[in-house]
C-alpha atoms as a PDB file:
ATOM      1  CA  UNK A   1     134.603 163.167  91.314  1.00  0.00           C
ATOM      2  CA  UNK A   2     136.286 161.342  94.195  1.00  0.00           C
ATOM      3  CA  UNK A   3     135.130 157.897  95.267  1.00  0.00           C
ATOM      4  CA  UNK A   4     134.023 158.637  98.835  1.00  0.00           C
ATOM      5  CA  UNK A   5     134.200 155.132 100.348  1.00  0.00           C
ATOM      6  CA  UNK A   6     137.759 154.315  99.293  1.00  0.00           C
ATOM      7  CA  UNK A   7     139.043 157.854  99.748  1.00  0.00           C
ATOM      8  CA  UNK A   8     137.717 158.215 103.278  1.00  0.00           C
ATOM      9  CA  UNK A   9     138.876 154.756 104.336  1.00  0.00           C
ATOM     10  CA  UNK A  10     142.380 155.449 103.021  1.00  0.00           C
ATOM     11  CA  UNK A  11     142.541 158.885 104.652  1.00  0.00           C
ATOM     12  CA  UNK A  12     141.287 157.598 108.007  1.00  0.00           C
ATOM     13  CA  UNK A  13     143.666 154.634 108.072  1.00  0.00           C
ATOM     14  CA  UNK A  14     146.655 156.713 106.998  1.00  0.00           C
ATOM     15  CA  UNK A  15     145.894 159.073 109.894  1.00  0.00           C
ATOM     16  CA  UNK A  16     145.706 156.103 112.286  1.00  0.00           C
ATOM     17  CA  UNK A  17     142.172 156.991 113.350  1.00  0.00           C
ATOM     18  CA  UNK A  18     139.306 154.728 114.292  1.00  0.00           C
ATOM     19  CA  UNK A  19     135.844 155.662 113.065  1.00  0.00           C
ATOM     20  CA  UNK A  20     135.002 156.797 116.607  1.00  0.00           C
ATOM     21  CA  UNK A  21     138.080 159.047 116.760  1.00  0.00           C
ATOM     22  CA  UNK A  22     137.279 160.557 113.373  1.00  0.00           C
ATOM     23  CA  UNK A  23     133.695 161.145 114.512  1.00  0.00           C
ATOM     24  CA  UNK A  24     134.966 163.089 117.545  1.00  0.00           C
ATOM     25  CA  UNK A  25     137.400 165.153 115.456  1.00  0.00           C
ATOM     26  CA  UNK A  26     134.929 165.988 112.704  1.00  0.00           C
ATOM     27  CA  UNK A  27     131.709 166.240 114.765  1.00  0.00           C
ATOM     28  CA  UNK A  28     130.115 163.853 112.253  1.00  0.00           C
ATOM     29  CA  UNK A  29     128.334 160.769 113.580  1.00  0.00           C
ATOM     30  CA  UNK A  30     130.254 157.496 113.530  1.00  0.00           C
ATOM     31  CA  UNK A  31     127.233 155.829 111.904  1.00  0.00           C
ATOM     32  CA  UNK A  32     127.522 158.307 109.016  1.00  0.00           C
ATOM     33  CA  UNK A  33     131.234 157.567 108.640  1.00  0.00           C
ATOM     34  CA  UNK A  34     130.513 153.837 108.654  1.00  0.00           C
ATOM     35  CA  UNK A  35     127.829 154.202 105.972  1.00  0.00           C
ATOM     36  CA  UNK A  36     130.131 156.298 103.768  1.00  0.00           C
ATOM     37  CA  UNK A  37     132.986 153.798 104.051  1.00  0.00           C
ATOM     38  CA  UNK A  38     130.689 150.859 103.274  1.00  0.00           C
ATOM     39  CA  UNK A  39     129.353 152.646 100.195  1.00  0.00           C
ATOM     40  CA  UNK A  40     125.826 152.808 101.616  1.00  0.00           C
ATOM     41  CA  UNK A  41     125.849 156.618 101.755  1.00  0.00           C
ATOM     42  CA  UNK A  42     127.029 159.075  99.135  1.00  0.00           C
ATOM     43  CA  UNK A  43     128.063 162.096 101.237  1.00  0.00           C
ATOM     44  CA  UNK A  44     127.663 165.742 100.370  1.00  0.00           C
ATOM     45  CA  UNK A  45     130.834 167.555  99.392  1.00  0.00           C
ATOM     46  CA  UNK A  46     130.819 169.550 102.644  1.00  0.00           C
ATOM     47  CA  UNK A  47     130.597 166.352 104.737  1.00  0.00           C
ATOM     48  CA  UNK A  48     133.409 164.727 102.781  1.00  0.00           C
ATOM     49  CA  UNK A  49     135.537 167.843 103.055  1.00  0.00           C
ATOM     50  CA  UNK A  50     135.049 168.007 106.842  1.00  0.00           C
ATOM     51  CA  UNK A  51     135.963 164.333 107.238  1.00  0.00           C
ATOM     52  CA  UNK A  52     139.060 164.525 105.048  1.00  0.00           C
ATOM     53  CA  UNK A  53     140.285 167.676 106.764  1.00  0.00           C
ATOM     54  CA  UNK A  54     139.789 165.969 110.146  1.00  0.00           C
ATOM     55  CA  UNK A  55     142.210 163.247 108.977  1.00  0.00           C
ATOM     56  CA  UNK A  56     144.793 165.897 108.131  1.00  0.00           C
ATOM     57  CA  UNK A  57     144.276 165.851 104.381  1.00  0.00           C
ATOM     58  CA  UNK A  58     144.273 169.181 102.600  1.00  0.00           C
ATOM     59  CA  UNK A  59     141.255 169.562 100.374  1.00  0.00           C
ATOM     60  CA  UNK A  60     142.103 172.037  97.651  1.00  0.00           C
ATOM     61  CA  UNK A  61     139.744 171.059  94.857  1.00  0.00           C
ATOM     62  CA  UNK A  62     136.800 173.376  94.466  1.00  0.00           C
ATOM     63  CA  UNK A  63     133.544 171.502  94.475  1.00  0.00           C
ATOM     64  CA  UNK A  64     131.355 171.939  91.455  1.00  0.00           C
ATOM     65  CA  UNK A  65     127.635 172.472  92.009  1.00  0.00           C
ATOM     66  CA  UNK A  66     126.962 168.871  90.983  1.00  0.00           C
ATOM     67  CA  UNK A  67     129.145 167.438  93.756  1.00  0.00           C
ATOM     68  CA  UNK A  68     126.132 166.992  96.063  1.00  0.00           C
ATOM     69  CA  UNK A  69     124.143 164.943  93.550  1.00  0.00           C
ATOM     70  CA  UNK A  70     123.523 161.242  94.116  1.00  0.00           C
ATOM     71  CA  UNK A  71     123.293 159.004  91.059  1.00  0.00           C
ATOM     72  CA  UNK A  72     120.322 156.626  90.732  1.00  0.00           C
ATOM     73  CA  UNK A  73     122.788 153.707  90.911  1.00  0.00           C
ATOM     74  CA  UNK A  74     124.151 154.928  94.251  1.00  0.00           C
ATOM     75  CA  UNK A  75     120.625 155.532  95.525  1.00  0.00           C
ATOM     76  CA  UNK A  76     119.574 152.025  94.450  1.00  0.00           C
ATOM     77  CA  UNK A  77     122.557 150.434  96.238  1.00  0.00           C
ATOM     78  CA  UNK A  78     121.849 152.424  99.388  1.00  0.00           C
ATOM     79  CA  UNK A  79     118.162 151.499  99.334  1.00  0.00           C
ATOM     80  CA  UNK A  80     119.030 147.820  98.801  1.00  0.00           C
ATOM     81  CA  UNK A  81     121.425 147.943 101.768  1.00  0.00           C
ATOM     82  CA  UNK A  82     118.795 149.517 104.018  1.00  0.00           C
ATOM     83  CA  UNK A  83     116.142 147.025 102.935  1.00  0.00           C
ATOM     84  CA  UNK A  84     118.604 144.195 103.562  1.00  0.00           C
ATOM     85  CA  UNK A  85     118.830 145.407 107.158  1.00  0.00           C
ATOM     86  CA  UNK A  86     115.039 145.660 107.379  1.00  0.00           C
ATOM     87  CA  UNK A  87     115.205 149.445 107.674  1.00  0.00           C
ATOM     88  CA  UNK A  88     112.365 150.633 105.436  1.00  0.00           C
ATOM     89  CA  UNK A  89     112.302 154.158 106.906  1.00  0.00           C
ATOM     90  CA  UNK A  90     116.013 154.639 106.158  1.00  0.00           C
ATOM     91  CA  UNK A  91     115.500 153.329 102.613  1.00  0.00           C
ATOM     92  CA  UNK A  92     112.727 155.885 102.107  1.00  0.00           C
ATOM     93  CA  UNK A  93     114.947 158.656 103.522  1.00  0.00           C
ATOM     94  CA  UNK A  94     117.797 157.685 101.180  1.00  0.00           C
ATOM     95  CA  UNK A  95     115.469 157.795  98.177  1.00  0.00           C
ATOM     96  CA  UNK A  96     114.021 161.153  99.234  1.00  0.00           C
ATOM     97  CA  UNK A  97     117.497 162.600  99.837  1.00  0.00           C
ATOM     98  CA  UNK A  98     118.734 161.497  96.404  1.00  0.00           C
ATOM     99  CA  UNK A  99     115.772 162.960  94.539  1.00  0.00           C
ATOM    100  CA  UNK A 100     115.641 166.052  96.746  1.00  0.00           C
ATOM    101  CA  UNK A 101     119.256 166.880  95.970  1.00  0.00           C
ATOM    102  CA  UNK A 102     118.554 166.628  92.237  1.00  0.00           C
ATOM    103  CA  UNK A 103     115.511 168.909  92.518  1.00  0.00           C
ATOM    104  CA  UNK A 104     117.497 171.453  94.530  1.00  0.00           C
ATOM    105  CA  UNK A 105     120.324 171.398  91.968  1.00  0.00           C
ATOM    106  CA  UNK A 106     117.895 171.852  89.070  1.00  0.00           C
ATOM    107  CA  UNK A 107     116.018 174.655  90.866  1.00  0.00           C
ATOM    108  CA  UNK A 108     119.293 176.470  91.558  1.00  0.00           C
ATOM    109  CA  UNK A 109     120.546 176.072  87.972  1.00  0.00           C
ATOM    110  CA  UNK A 110     117.673 176.972  85.639  1.00  0.00           C
ATOM    111  CA  UNK A 111     118.332 176.034  82.039  1.00  0.00           C
ATOM    112  CA  UNK A 112     121.213 173.726  82.988  1.00  0.00           C
ATOM    113  CA  UNK A 113     120.869 170.019  82.299  1.00  0.00           C
ATOM    114  CA  UNK A 114     122.033 167.643  85.038  1.00  0.00           C
ATOM    115  CA  UNK A 115     125.201 165.619  84.416  1.00  0.00           C
ATOM    116  CA  UNK A 116     124.444 162.384  82.546  1.00  0.00           C
ATOM    117  CA  UNK A 117     125.662 160.227  85.451  1.00  0.00           C
ATOM    118  CA  UNK A 118     123.157 161.920  87.792  1.00  0.00           C
ATOM    119  CA  UNK A 119     120.184 160.627  85.779  1.00  0.00           C
ATOM    120  CA  UNK A 120     121.618 157.391  84.332  1.00  0.00           C
ATOM    121  CA  UNK A 121     119.682 154.150  84.723  1.00  0.00           C
ATOM    122  CA  UNK A 122     120.870 152.119  87.707  1.00  0.00           C
ATOM    123  CA  UNK A 123     122.445 148.752  86.974  1.00  0.00           C
ATOM    124  CA  UNK A 124     121.364 147.397  90.351  1.00  0.00           C
ATOM    125  CA  UNK A 125     118.568 144.959  89.628  1.00  0.00           C
ATOM    126  CA  UNK A 126     117.967 143.531  93.091  1.00  0.00           C
ATOM    127  CA  UNK A 127     115.420 146.092  94.298  1.00  0.00           C
ATOM    128  CA  UNK A 128     111.834 144.949  94.830  1.00  0.00           C
ATOM    129  CA  UNK A 129     109.484 146.165  92.097  1.00  0.00           C
ATOM    130  CA  UNK A 130     107.851 148.783  94.323  1.00  0.00           C
ATOM    131  CA  UNK A 131     111.194 150.386  95.141  1.00  0.00           C
ATOM    132  CA  UNK A 132     112.433 150.261  91.534  1.00  0.00           C
ATOM    133  CA  UNK A 133     109.240 151.948  90.386  1.00  0.00           C
ATOM    134  CA  UNK A 134     109.426 154.598  93.111  1.00  0.00           C
ATOM    135  CA  UNK A 135     113.106 155.269  92.331  1.00  0.00           C
ATOM    136  CA  UNK A 136     112.569 155.726  88.595  1.00  0.00           C
ATOM    137  CA  UNK A 137     109.352 157.709  88.994  1.00  0.00           C
ATOM    138  CA  UNK A 138     110.765 160.022  91.655  1.00  0.00           C
ATOM    139  CA  UNK A 139     113.767 160.849  89.451  1.00  0.00           C
ATOM    140  CA  UNK A 140     111.326 161.402  86.554  1.00  0.00           C
ATOM    141  CA  UNK A 141     109.344 163.769  88.771  1.00  0.00           C
ATOM    142  CA  UNK A 142     112.517 165.721  89.623  1.00  0.00           C
ATOM    143  CA  UNK A 143     113.224 166.296  85.939  1.00  0.00           C
ATOM    144  CA  UNK A 144     109.636 166.912  84.869  1.00  0.00           C
ATOM    145  CA  UNK A 145     108.824 169.319  87.711  1.00  0.00           C
ATOM    146  CA  UNK A 146     111.837 171.477  86.829  1.00  0.00           C
ATOM    147  CA  UNK A 147     111.126 171.560  83.092  1.00  0.00           C
ATOM    148  CA  UNK A 148     113.730 169.013  81.977  1.00  0.00           C
ATOM    149  CA  UNK A 149     113.270 166.063  79.647  1.00  0.00           C
ATOM    150  CA  UNK A 150     112.649 162.765  81.415  1.00  0.00           C
ATOM    151  CA  UNK A 151     114.996 159.872  80.625  1.00  0.00           C
ATOM    152  CA  UNK A 152     113.231 156.964  78.868  1.00  0.00           C
ATOM    153  CA  UNK A 153     114.310 154.398  81.490  1.00  0.00           C
ATOM    154  CA  UNK A 154     112.399 156.348  84.126  1.00  0.00           C
ATOM    155  CA  UNK A 155     109.138 156.047  82.204  1.00  0.00           C
ATOM    156  CA  UNK A 156     109.710 152.408  81.196  1.00  0.00           C
ATOM    157  CA  UNK A 157     109.248 150.995  84.703  1.00  0.00           C
ATOM    158  CA  UNK A 158     105.953 149.148  85.146  1.00  0.00           C
ATOM    159  CA  UNK A 159     103.056 150.595  87.089  1.00  0.00           C
ATOM    160  CA  UNK A 160     102.356 148.814  90.352  1.00  0.00           C
ATOM    161  CA  UNK A 161      99.285 146.558  90.398  1.00  0.00           C
ATOM    162  CA  UNK A 162      97.827 148.381  93.410  1.00  0.00           C
ATOM    163  CA  UNK A 163      97.969 151.958  94.618  1.00  0.00           C
ATOM    164  CA  UNK A 164     100.989 152.202  96.934  1.00  0.00           C
ATOM    165  CA  UNK A 165     102.512 154.799  99.260  1.00  0.00           C
ATOM    166  CA  UNK A 166     105.956 154.741 100.864  1.00  0.00           C
ATOM    167  CA  UNK A 167     105.810 153.802 104.525  1.00  0.00           C
ATOM    168  CA  UNK A 168     102.816 152.628 106.494  1.00  0.00           C
ATOM    169  CA  UNK A 169      99.612 151.652 104.721  1.00  0.00           C
ATOM    170  CA  UNK A 170      97.426 154.788 104.773  1.00  0.00           C
ATOM    171  CA  UNK A 171      93.804 154.768 105.873  1.00  0.00           C
ATOM    172  CA  UNK A 172      91.238 155.247 103.100  1.00  0.00           C
ATOM    173  CA  UNK A 173      90.580 158.819 104.211  1.00  0.00           C
ATOM    174  CA  UNK A 174      94.309 159.663 104.201  1.00  0.00           C
ATOM    175  CA  UNK A 175      94.695 157.825 100.886  1.00  0.00           C
ATOM    176  CA  UNK A 176      92.074 160.123  99.308  1.00  0.00           C
ATOM    177  CA  UNK A 177      93.818 163.187 100.740  1.00  0.00           C
ATOM    178  CA  UNK A 178      97.194 161.934  99.483  1.00  0.00           C
ATOM    179  CA  UNK A 179      95.818 161.030  96.050  1.00  0.00           C
ATOM    180  CA  UNK A 180      94.591 164.620  95.573  1.00  0.00           C
ATOM    181  CA  UNK A 181      98.128 165.911  96.225  1.00  0.00           C
ATOM    182  CA  UNK A 182     100.038 163.338  94.175  1.00  0.00           C
ATOM    183  CA  UNK A 183     101.592 164.573  90.896  1.00  0.00           C
ATOM    184  CA  UNK A 184     100.362 162.842  87.739  1.00  0.00           C
ATOM    185  CA  UNK A 185     103.719 161.171  87.014  1.00  0.00           C
ATOM    186  CA  UNK A 186     103.328 159.195  90.272  1.00  0.00           C
ATOM    187  CA  UNK A 187      99.618 158.440  89.777  1.00  0.00           C
ATOM    188  CA  UNK A 188     100.381 156.924  86.350  1.00  0.00           C
ATOM    189  CA  UNK A 189     102.485 154.301  88.147  1.00  0.00           C
ATOM    190  CA  UNK A 190      99.927 153.721  90.946  1.00  0.00           C
ATOM    191  CA  UNK A 191     102.146 155.555  93.442  1.00  0.00           C
ATOM    192  CA  UNK A 192     100.942 158.008  96.066  1.00  0.00           C
ATOM    193  CA  UNK A 193     103.314 160.778  97.114  1.00  0.00           C
ATOM    194  CA  UNK A 194     102.987 164.516  97.673  1.00  0.00           C
ATOM    195  CA  UNK A 195     105.195 166.833  95.615  1.00  0.00           C
ATOM    196  CA  UNK A 196     106.572 168.502  98.747  1.00  0.00           C
ATOM    197  CA  UNK A 197     107.806 165.158 100.107  1.00  0.00           C
ATOM    198  CA  UNK A 198     110.596 165.215  97.515  1.00  0.00           C
ATOM    199  CA  UNK A 199     111.991 168.635  98.369  1.00  0.00           C
ATOM    200  CA  UNK A 200     114.744 168.882 100.962  1.00  0.00           C
ATOM    201  CA  UNK A 201     116.115 171.887 102.825  1.00  0.00           C
END
């Protein structure tokens, strides 16, 4: 698989394009291009293809079905970057996108195991405990909910000391509603999250 950050940066520079010019040519937001080049965003194959073609590169390689997957390591780096900028909502979106892509892949390929890199333990250790636990548990949920074996590292993360939801602190009434809709794998780690929150279009 190509390394998006370096590949896009090289293609854009060799074409003599600024990020703004590439954004105009490709109809992809400059902020997205910036995040890809910084390594904060792992783009889908179709996004990468559109960007490379806008630089004049020919993209001949056929994308495999796993080309849209985001590894836990990449997700962890992206979340850490967003948290470093104080952008909790973007960190939550990046986590949801990563897990949602895995669920979609597994739903579309029944009986097929995901590539090892797509479920490998992240080496990034600088995430706060809550985010590390959510990351591991959400990937575990993706595997478990589609009938695949869960990787041991996903189950080894500690449960949080208090019941926690992503985002704003829910009211007690909403917490009860959310708790009733939270899959067991999340509840075991003191996490609150609806199953449908992890599925993407």
